[in-house]
Protein backbone atom coordinates (compact mmCIF):
# COMPACT_ATOMS: atom_id res chain seq x y z
CA MET A 1 7.62 12.97 -2.14
CA ARG A 2 6.27 12.25 -5.60
CA MET A 3 5.08 8.77 -6.41
CA SER A 4 3.79 7.84 -9.86
CA PRO A 5 0.34 9.09 -10.98
CA ILE A 6 -0.93 5.50 -11.15
CA ILE A 7 -0.03 3.16 -8.29
CA GLY A 8 -0.88 -0.54 -8.20
CA HIS A 9 -3.10 -1.20 -5.17
CA ARG A 10 -1.91 -4.20 -3.13
CA GLY A 11 0.23 -4.96 -6.17
CA ALA A 12 -2.44 -5.23 -8.83
CA ALA A 13 -5.31 -6.77 -6.86
CA ARG A 14 -7.76 -7.23 -9.73
CA ILE A 15 -5.38 -9.11 -12.00
CA ALA A 16 -3.13 -10.95 -9.52
CA PRO A 17 -3.41 -12.12 -5.89
CA GLU A 18 -3.21 -9.13 -3.57
CA ASN A 19 -0.09 -8.41 -1.53
CA THR A 20 1.96 -11.07 -3.32
CA LEU A 21 5.12 -11.13 -5.39
CA ALA A 22 2.95 -12.09 -8.36
CA GLY A 23 0.98 -8.90 -7.77
CA ILE A 24 4.13 -6.78 -7.83
CA ARG A 25 5.23 -8.45 -11.06
CA ALA A 26 1.79 -7.93 -12.59
CA ALA A 27 1.91 -4.23 -11.76
CA ALA A 28 5.35 -3.95 -13.34
CA ALA A 29 4.07 -5.69 -16.47
CA CYS A 30 1.33 -3.04 -16.70
CA GLY A 31 3.96 -0.34 -16.92
CA VAL A 32 3.38 1.32 -13.56
CA THR A 33 6.39 2.19 -11.45
CA TRP A 34 4.93 2.17 -7.92
CA VAL A 35 2.93 -0.32 -5.89
CA GLU A 36 1.07 -0.08 -2.59
CA MET A 37 1.44 -3.05 -0.24
CA ASP A 38 0.27 -3.82 3.30
CA VAL A 39 2.53 -5.04 6.09
CA ILE A 40 1.24 -6.77 9.24
CA LEU A 41 2.69 -8.59 12.23
CA MET A 42 2.51 -12.32 12.96
CA GLY A 43 2.46 -13.85 16.41
CA ASP A 44 6.12 -14.87 16.19
CA GLY A 45 7.20 -11.37 15.16
CA ALA A 46 7.45 -12.09 11.43
CA LEU A 47 6.50 -9.24 9.10
CA ILE A 48 4.39 -10.31 6.16
CA MET A 49 2.52 -8.70 3.29
CA HIS A 50 -1.16 -9.15 4.09
CA HIS A 51 -4.16 -6.89 4.64
CA ASP A 52 -6.62 -8.62 6.93
CA LYS A 53 -6.60 -9.59 10.57
CA THR A 54 -7.19 -13.21 9.50
CA LEU A 55 -6.01 -15.39 6.62
CA ASN A 56 -9.53 -16.52 5.75
CA ARG A 57 -10.61 -14.17 2.95
CA CYS A 58 -7.90 -14.43 0.35
CA THR A 59 -5.75 -17.45 1.28
CA THR A 60 -6.36 -21.13 1.92
CA GLY A 61 -5.28 -20.58 5.52
CA LYS A 62 -7.51 -20.00 8.52
CA GLY A 63 -7.28 -18.04 11.73
CA GLU A 64 -5.95 -14.79 13.10
CA VAL A 65 -2.49 -13.86 11.88
CA LEU A 66 -1.42 -12.85 15.39
CA ALA A 67 -2.07 -16.41 16.55
CA LEU A 68 0.20 -17.85 13.85
CA GLY A 69 3.87 -17.81 12.92
CA LEU A 70 5.82 -17.81 9.68
CA ALA A 71 6.07 -21.61 9.70
CA ASP A 72 2.27 -21.79 9.51
CA LEU A 73 2.37 -20.18 6.06
CA GLN A 74 4.45 -22.88 4.39
CA ASN A 75 1.53 -24.73 2.78
CA ILE A 76 -0.86 -21.80 2.39
CA ASP A 77 -1.92 -20.62 -1.06
CA ALA A 78 -2.50 -16.87 -1.37
CA ALA A 79 -4.22 -17.28 -4.76
CA LYS A 80 -7.51 -18.64 -3.45
CA LEU A 81 -9.61 -15.82 -4.91
CA PHE A 82 -8.10 -16.34 -8.37
CA GLU A 83 -8.68 -20.08 -8.79
CA LYS A 84 -12.10 -19.78 -10.42
CA GLU A 85 -11.13 -17.27 -13.11
CA TYR A 86 -7.42 -18.00 -13.56
CA GLY A 87 -7.22 -21.73 -12.83
CA ASP A 88 -3.69 -22.79 -11.90
CA THR A 89 -2.03 -19.58 -13.14
CA PHE A 90 -1.22 -18.39 -9.62
CA LYS A 91 -1.59 -21.71 -7.80
CA GLY A 92 0.77 -22.03 -4.86
CA GLU A 93 1.54 -18.30 -4.65
CA PRO A 94 2.92 -17.74 -1.16
CA VAL A 95 2.28 -14.99 1.35
CA PRO A 96 5.56 -13.04 1.11
CA THR A 97 7.61 -11.50 3.87
CA LEU A 98 8.29 -7.78 3.97
CA GLN A 99 11.92 -8.40 3.00
CA GLU A 100 10.92 -10.44 -0.05
CA ALA A 101 8.48 -7.79 -1.25
CA LEU A 102 10.97 -4.97 -0.80
CA ASP A 103 13.71 -6.88 -2.60
CA LEU A 104 11.51 -7.73 -5.60
CA THR A 105 10.24 -4.16 -5.85
CA HIS A 106 13.84 -2.95 -5.96
CA GLU A 107 14.86 -5.65 -8.43
CA LEU A 108 12.10 -4.48 -10.80
CA GLY A 109 13.14 -0.84 -10.47
CA MET A 110 9.87 0.14 -8.81
CA GLY A 111 8.87 2.15 -5.74
CA MET A 112 6.70 1.04 -2.82
CA ASN A 113 4.07 2.73 -0.69
CA LEU A 114 4.21 0.51 2.39
CA GLU A 115 1.01 0.72 4.41
CA ILE A 116 1.27 -0.23 8.08
CA LYS A 117 -1.85 -2.14 9.16
CA MET A 118 -2.47 -2.28 12.88
CA HIS A 119 -4.36 -5.30 14.27
CA ASN A 120 -4.89 -5.28 18.04
CA HIS A 121 -1.30 -5.10 19.22
CA PRO A 122 0.98 -2.39 20.62
CA VAL A 123 2.05 -0.02 17.88
CA THR A 124 5.74 -0.44 18.78
CA ASP A 125 5.57 -4.20 18.12
CA LEU A 126 5.03 -3.59 14.41
CA VAL A 127 6.46 -0.17 13.68
CA LEU A 128 9.93 -0.58 15.21
CA PRO A 129 10.70 -3.91 13.47
CA VAL A 130 9.46 -2.47 10.17
CA LEU A 131 11.74 0.53 10.53
CA ASP A 132 14.63 -1.79 11.32
CA VAL A 133 14.09 -3.67 8.04
CA LEU A 134 13.74 -0.47 6.03
CA LYS A 135 16.67 1.53 7.38
CA ASN A 136 19.35 -0.01 5.16
CA HIS A 137 17.21 -0.98 2.18
CA PRO A 138 18.13 0.41 -1.26
CA LEU A 139 14.54 1.57 -1.88
CA LEU A 140 14.94 4.09 0.91
CA ARG A 141 18.31 5.30 -0.30
CA GLU A 142 16.93 5.73 -3.81
CA GLY A 143 13.89 7.72 -2.71
CA LYS A 144 11.48 5.01 -3.79
CA LEU A 145 9.82 4.26 -0.46
CA ILE A 146 7.05 5.88 1.55
CA ILE A 147 5.23 4.63 4.66
CA SER A 148 1.51 5.28 5.03
CA SER A 149 -1.05 4.41 7.68
CA PHE A 150 -4.47 5.28 9.02
CA ASP A 151 -2.96 4.96 12.49
CA HIS A 152 -1.75 8.36 13.65
CA GLU A 153 0.27 6.85 16.51
CA ALA A 154 2.09 4.56 14.09
CA LEU A 155 3.02 7.52 11.88
CA ALA A 156 4.15 9.54 14.90
CA LEU A 157 6.41 6.69 15.97
CA CYS A 158 7.84 6.44 12.43
CA HIS A 159 8.59 10.15 12.45
CA GLN A 160 10.16 9.95 15.90
CA HIS A 161 12.49 7.04 15.12
CA SER A 162 13.11 7.44 11.38
CA PRO A 163 12.43 11.04 10.34
CA GLU A 164 14.24 10.42 7.05
CA ILE A 165 11.44 8.12 5.80
CA PRO A 166 8.66 10.02 3.97
CA LEU A 167 5.18 9.50 5.40
CA GLY A 168 1.71 9.53 3.90
CA HIS A 169 -1.24 10.18 6.23
CA LEU A 170 -4.17 7.97 5.28
CA PHE A 171 -7.74 9.13 5.86
CA GLU A 172 -11.09 7.47 5.22
CA GLY A 173 -12.94 10.75 5.04
CA LEU A 174 -10.83 13.89 5.17
CA PRO A 175 -11.50 15.31 8.68
CA SER A 176 -11.66 18.99 9.47
CA ASN A 177 -8.36 18.70 11.37
CA TRP A 178 -6.53 16.81 8.62
CA LEU A 179 -3.88 19.52 8.32
CA THR A 180 -3.12 19.45 12.06
CA LEU A 181 -2.78 15.66 12.05
CA THR A 182 -0.65 15.67 8.92
CA THR A 183 1.61 18.39 10.28
CA GLU A 184 2.06 16.63 13.64
CA VAL A 185 3.79 13.68 11.97
CA ASN A 186 5.49 15.79 9.29
CA ALA A 187 3.76 13.76 6.57
CA ALA A 188 4.85 14.42 3.00
CA THR A 189 1.59 13.34 1.36
CA VAL A 190 -2.12 12.94 2.08
CA HIS A 191 -4.03 9.81 1.02
CA ALA A 192 -7.82 9.77 1.00
CA ASN A 193 -10.85 7.73 -0.04
CA GLN A 194 -11.89 8.96 -3.48
CA ARG A 195 -15.56 8.28 -2.71
CA LYS A 196 -15.55 10.95 -0.01
CA LEU A 197 -13.62 13.63 -1.86
CA THR A 198 -15.06 16.74 -3.45
CA GLN A 199 -13.32 19.15 -5.75
CA LYS A 200 -13.20 21.65 -2.91
CA LYS A 201 -11.48 19.15 -0.59
CA VAL A 202 -8.93 18.20 -3.23
CA GLN A 203 -8.11 21.85 -3.83
CA GLU A 204 -7.85 22.46 -0.08
CA VAL A 205 -5.16 19.80 0.22
CA CYS A 206 -3.30 21.02 -2.86
CA GLU A 207 -3.42 24.66 -1.76
CA ALA A 208 -1.89 23.62 1.57
CA GLY A 209 1.09 22.34 -0.40
CA TYR A 210 0.47 18.59 -0.16
CA GLU A 211 0.33 15.96 -2.85
CA LEU A 212 -2.96 14.05 -2.68
CA TYR A 213 -3.24 10.38 -3.59
CA CYS A 214 -6.70 8.81 -3.88
CA TYR A 215 -7.82 5.23 -3.27
CA THR A 216 -9.16 2.94 -4.70
CA VAL A 217 -9.91 4.13 -8.23
CA ASN A 218 -10.85 1.45 -10.76
CA ASP A 219 -12.78 3.68 -13.14
CA ALA A 220 -10.83 5.70 -15.71
CA GLN A 221 -13.43 8.47 -15.88
CA LYS A 222 -13.22 8.95 -12.11
CA ALA A 223 -9.43 8.93 -12.33
CA ARG A 224 -9.47 11.66 -14.98
CA GLN A 225 -11.81 13.75 -12.84
CA LEU A 226 -9.54 13.47 -9.80
CA PHE A 227 -6.52 14.48 -11.87
CA GLU A 228 -8.45 17.45 -13.25
CA TRP A 229 -9.25 18.50 -9.68
CA GLY A 230 -5.54 18.44 -8.84
CA ALA A 231 -4.84 15.00 -7.37
CA SER A 232 -1.25 13.81 -7.78
CA GLY A 233 -2.08 10.14 -8.13
CA ILE A 234 -4.49 7.25 -7.69
CA PHE A 235 -4.28 3.75 -6.26
CA THR A 236 -5.95 1.19 -8.53
CA ASP A 237 -6.55 -2.57 -8.49
CA ASP A 238 -6.28 -2.70 -12.30
CA PRO A 239 -3.43 -0.43 -13.35
CA GLU A 240 -3.35 -1.74 -16.91
CA GLU A 241 -6.99 -0.92 -17.67
CA VAL A 242 -6.97 2.48 -15.96
CA LYS A 243 -3.61 3.47 -17.42
CA THR A 244 -4.66 2.47 -20.94
CA ALA A 245 -7.98 4.31 -20.69
CA ILE A 246 -6.29 7.47 -19.44
CA ASP A 247 -3.51 7.30 -22.04
CA ASP A 248 -6.11 6.94 -24.81
CA ASN A 249 -7.79 10.23 -23.89
């Protein structure tokens, strides 16, 4: 499962509100062909693109997402963190649903790394509805979709119910049993925190036959080093800056 070498993290989180349609469009405008987005569950069963357990950090909303429903998002602005620097540029940007994000990604001819974020609920409550949305989507048919997660149980459930969907096993630090865990869920790729990777670890993953994607890389020099070590790709908040810096060298 080969994604692009440079993948927009949460859309393009440094230049547009994270996990929004504006973020996907911003990534596309930078010339990258894949984005990484987070999907979580609301209390009413709605699937939305959001990272945190609560709305507080990056939207004008408040409270735990699991205590809210889709109707509670109607007047919430997901561009809160961008008001100071960007003024009204992104004002009123909504928190999108999974379906909306998938459809826009397809419309723009891009691919999506969909990260499943678990927040204190049974794994089946999120994973099975996500798989139901994905099963007939064009992104899957076109080979432009991969599911990733830190949650091993979530990945195992994905593999059990939808073995046709490629999986990426996410790790904070690459554990000694990473290969066992990755093999158990038949993951296609390994994703790891670039801060905790060494050249030896990168080569270990590559020699085992896996593509390695590193997060979150916002420094072009670090990106070049990871590629030299053998990494297949990086997730970055600022795809335009990193891509330009790499292309210039």
